Amino acid sequence: MLVMPFAAFAPARPRPPTDIEFCAWVGQAMPGDRLEYHRGFLGIDSAPAISTLPEADRRRLAALADAAFRAFEAGLVHLVQERVGPDRFAYLAVARTRPRRTPMPLARLLDAAEAA
């Protein structure tokens, strides 16, 4: 009898969103919606000197992390980590209720991404 490891039956993880896709999600998300934007150790995975990711993937991840932080600073999302194993985390963005006093159009988030 052939026994396959559990990981062989796990569904393939979708690719992480790009920074633009993340901003689009923020623009249409309802309060409480959650998006896992990275799984790993973000501080290491996005650092140029120590990341084991290919350079193009590392740059994409750094841009995504910047977009997530900008959305957090604008009050549009909560950023949450869930431990999934030793030195491994699921990084989540949770949509917040949009502030009424300072609307944040999606175009402004995208402009900030291009300026960075």
C-alpha atoms as a PDB file:
ATOM      1  CA  MET A   1       0.000   0.000   0.000  1.00  0.00           C
ATOM      2  CA  LEU A   2       1.375   3.398  -1.011  1.00  0.00           C
ATOM      3  CA  VAL A   3       0.982   6.085   1.639  1.00  0.00           C
ATOM      4  CA  MET A   4       1.254   9.680   0.468  1.00  0.00           C
ATOM      5  CA  PRO A   5       2.295  12.401   2.905  1.00  0.00           C
ATOM      6  CA  PHE A   6      -0.477  14.748   3.934  1.00  0.00           C
ATOM      7  CA  ALA A   7       1.195  17.633   2.089  1.00  0.00           C
ATOM      8  CA  ALA A   8       0.583  15.809  -1.193  1.00  0.00           C
ATOM      9  CA  PHE A   9      -3.165  16.220  -0.658  1.00  0.00           C
ATOM     10  CA  ALA A  10      -3.057  19.846   0.391  1.00  0.00           C
ATOM     11  CA  PRO A  11      -4.403  22.225  -2.251  1.00  0.00           C
ATOM     12  CA  ALA A  12      -1.809  24.346  -4.010  1.00  0.00           C
ATOM     13  CA  ARG A  13      -1.487  27.785  -2.464  1.00  0.00           C
ATOM     14  CA  PRO A  14      -2.461  30.606  -4.782  1.00  0.00           C
ATOM     15  CA  ARG A  15       0.297  33.026  -5.648  1.00  0.00           C
ATOM     16  CA  PRO A  16       0.506  36.084  -3.417  1.00  0.00           C
ATOM     17  CA  PRO A  17      -1.170  39.221  -4.731  1.00  0.00           C
ATOM     18  CA  THR A  18       0.865  41.977  -6.330  1.00  0.00           C
ATOM     19  CA  ASP A  19       0.885  45.403  -4.714  1.00  0.00           C
ATOM     20  CA  ILE A  20      -1.631  46.610  -7.325  1.00  0.00           C
ATOM     21  CA  GLU A  21      -3.925  43.632  -6.694  1.00  0.00           C
ATOM     22  CA  PHE A  22      -3.664  44.297  -2.963  1.00  0.00           C
ATOM     23  CA  CYS A  23      -4.701  47.929  -3.469  1.00  0.00           C
ATOM     24  CA  ALA A  24      -7.607  46.799  -5.638  1.00  0.00           C
ATOM     25  CA  TRP A  25      -8.696  44.401  -2.890  1.00  0.00           C
ATOM     26  CA  VAL A  26      -8.536  47.227  -0.324  1.00  0.00           C
ATOM     27  CA  GLY A  27     -10.671  49.388  -2.614  1.00  0.00           C
ATOM     28  CA  GLN A  28     -13.497  46.855  -2.814  1.00  0.00           C
ATOM     29  CA  ALA A  29     -13.211  44.999   0.524  1.00  0.00           C
ATOM     30  CA  MET A  30     -16.049  45.139   3.020  1.00  0.00           C
ATOM     31  CA  PRO A  31     -15.273  45.655   6.725  1.00  0.00           C
ATOM     32  CA  GLY A  32     -14.080  42.362   8.200  1.00  0.00           C
ATOM     33  CA  ASP A  33     -12.927  40.860   4.897  1.00  0.00           C
ATOM     34  CA  ARG A  34      -9.526  39.166   5.267  1.00  0.00           C
ATOM     35  CA  LEU A  35      -6.723  38.654   2.771  1.00  0.00           C
ATOM     36  CA  GLU A  36      -3.622  36.567   3.435  1.00  0.00           C
ATOM     37  CA  TYR A  37      -0.938  38.464   1.555  1.00  0.00           C
ATOM     38  CA  HIS A  38       2.133  36.458   2.644  1.00  0.00           C
ATOM     39  CA  ARG A  39       3.058  33.234   4.392  1.00  0.00           C
ATOM     40  CA  GLY A  40       6.564  32.915   5.769  1.00  0.00           C
ATOM     41  CA  PHE A  41       8.678  35.378   7.763  1.00  0.00           C
ATOM     42  CA  LEU A  42       8.121  38.777   6.151  1.00  0.00           C
ATOM     43  CA  GLY A  43      11.070  40.550   7.778  1.00  0.00           C
ATOM     44  CA  ILE A  44      13.498  37.963   6.442  1.00  0.00           C
ATOM     45  CA  ASP A  45      11.764  37.149   3.160  1.00  0.00           C
ATOM     46  CA  SER A  46      11.762  40.800   2.051  1.00  0.00           C
ATOM     47  CA  ALA A  47      15.287  41.738   3.229  1.00  0.00           C
ATOM     48  CA  PRO A  48      17.809  42.016   0.375  1.00  0.00           C
ATOM     49  CA  ALA A  49      20.779  40.596   2.266  1.00  0.00           C
ATOM     50  CA  ILE A  50      19.142  37.522   3.833  1.00  0.00           C
ATOM     51  CA  SER A  51      16.102  36.542   1.772  1.00  0.00           C
ATOM     52  CA  THR A  52      16.212  33.154   0.067  1.00  0.00           C
ATOM     53  CA  LEU A  53      13.603  34.236  -2.489  1.00  0.00           C
ATOM     54  CA  PRO A  54      14.622  34.958  -6.084  1.00  0.00           C
ATOM     55  CA  GLU A  55      15.331  38.690  -6.446  1.00  0.00           C
ATOM     56  CA  ALA A  56      12.228  39.385  -8.557  1.00  0.00           C
ATOM     57  CA  ASP A  57       9.986  37.656  -5.983  1.00  0.00           C
ATOM     58  CA  ARG A  58      11.708  39.458  -3.110  1.00  0.00           C
ATOM     59  CA  ARG A  59      11.120  42.839  -4.788  1.00  0.00           C
ATOM     60  CA  ARG A  60       7.468  41.971  -5.428  1.00  0.00           C
ATOM     61  CA  LEU A  61       7.067  40.990  -1.783  1.00  0.00           C
ATOM     62  CA  ALA A  62       8.721  44.209  -0.577  1.00  0.00           C
ATOM     63  CA  ALA A  63       6.360  46.272  -2.773  1.00  0.00           C
ATOM     64  CA  LEU A  64       3.386  44.292  -1.432  1.00  0.00           C
ATOM     65  CA  ALA A  65       4.507  44.813   2.180  1.00  0.00           C
ATOM     66  CA  ASP A  66       4.863  48.561   1.502  1.00  0.00           C
ATOM     67  CA  ALA A  67       1.345  48.698   0.016  1.00  0.00           C
ATOM     68  CA  ALA A  68      -0.054  46.862   3.048  1.00  0.00           C
ATOM     69  CA  PHE A  69       1.670  49.262   5.426  1.00  0.00           C
ATOM     70  CA  ARG A  70       0.396  52.311   3.507  1.00  0.00           C
ATOM     71  CA  ALA A  71      -3.163  50.933   3.709  1.00  0.00           C
ATOM     72  CA  PHE A  72      -2.667  50.431   7.449  1.00  0.00           C
ATOM     73  CA  GLU A  73      -1.365  53.986   7.895  1.00  0.00           C
ATOM     74  CA  ALA A  74      -4.406  55.276   5.992  1.00  0.00           C
ATOM     75  CA  GLY A  75      -6.688  53.446   8.439  1.00  0.00           C
ATOM     76  CA  LEU A  76      -8.065  51.115   5.772  1.00  0.00           C
ATOM     77  CA  VAL A  77      -6.872  47.772   7.173  1.00  0.00           C
ATOM     78  CA  HIS A  78      -5.636  46.084  10.310  1.00  0.00           C
ATOM     79  CA  LEU A  79      -2.455  44.076   9.774  1.00  0.00           C
ATOM     80  CA  VAL A  80      -2.430  40.783  11.668  1.00  0.00           C
ATOM     81  CA  GLN A  81      -0.038  37.853  11.978  1.00  0.00           C
ATOM     82  CA  GLU A  82      -1.026  34.279  12.808  1.00  0.00           C
ATOM     83  CA  ARG A  83       1.694  31.803  13.741  1.00  0.00           C
ATOM     84  CA  VAL A  84       1.480  28.728  11.497  1.00  0.00           C
ATOM     85  CA  GLY A  85       4.731  27.078  12.600  1.00  0.00           C
ATOM     86  CA  PRO A  86       8.197  27.789  13.930  1.00  0.00           C
ATOM     87  CA  ASP A  87       9.422  31.036  12.336  1.00  0.00           C
ATOM     88  CA  ARG A  88       6.461  30.929   9.939  1.00  0.00           C
ATOM     89  CA  PHE A  89       3.466  33.249   9.939  1.00  0.00           C
ATOM     90  CA  ALA A  90       0.373  34.025   7.882  1.00  0.00           C
ATOM     91  CA  TYR A  91       0.242  37.786   7.270  1.00  0.00           C
ATOM     92  CA  LEU A  92      -3.335  39.043   6.997  1.00  0.00           C
ATOM     93  CA  ALA A  93      -4.950  42.304   6.090  1.00  0.00           C
ATOM     94  CA  VAL A  94      -8.403  42.804   7.632  1.00  0.00           C
ATOM     95  CA  ALA A  95     -10.527  45.507   6.042  1.00  0.00           C
ATOM     96  CA  ARG A  96     -11.721  48.249   8.382  1.00  0.00           C
ATOM     97  CA  THR A  97     -14.720  50.506   8.198  1.00  0.00           C
ATOM     98  CA  ARG A  98     -13.699  53.416   6.005  1.00  0.00           C
ATOM     99  CA  PRO A  99     -13.165  56.650   7.912  1.00  0.00           C
ATOM    100  CA  ARG A 100     -15.745  59.227   6.899  1.00  0.00           C
ATOM    101  CA  ARG A 101     -13.627  62.276   7.603  1.00  0.00           C
ATOM    102  CA  THR A 102     -10.727  61.359   5.306  1.00  0.00           C
ATOM    103  CA  PRO A 103     -11.752  59.362   2.264  1.00  0.00           C
ATOM    104  CA  MET A 104      -8.883  57.439   0.643  1.00  0.00           C
ATOM    105  CA  PRO A 105      -9.485  56.921  -3.065  1.00  0.00           C
ATOM    106  CA  LEU A 106      -7.806  53.904  -4.613  1.00  0.00           C
ATOM    107  CA  ALA A 107      -5.991  56.177  -7.087  1.00  0.00           C
ATOM    108  CA  ARG A 108      -4.162  57.858  -4.185  1.00  0.00           C
ATOM    109  CA  LEU A 109      -2.920  54.505  -2.881  1.00  0.00           C
ATOM    110  CA  LEU A 110      -1.736  53.587  -6.365  1.00  0.00           C
ATOM    111  CA  ASP A 111       0.029  56.942  -6.786  1.00  0.00           C
ATOM    112  CA  ALA A 112       1.883  56.357  -3.525  1.00  0.00           C
ATOM    113  CA  ALA A 113       2.930  52.894  -4.754  1.00  0.00           C
ATOM    114  CA  GLU A 114       4.376  54.345  -7.965  1.00  0.00           C
ATOM    115  CA  ALA A 115       6.226  57.085  -6.081  1.00  0.00           C
ATOM    116  CA  ALA A 116       7.919  54.548  -3.787  1.00  0.00           C
END
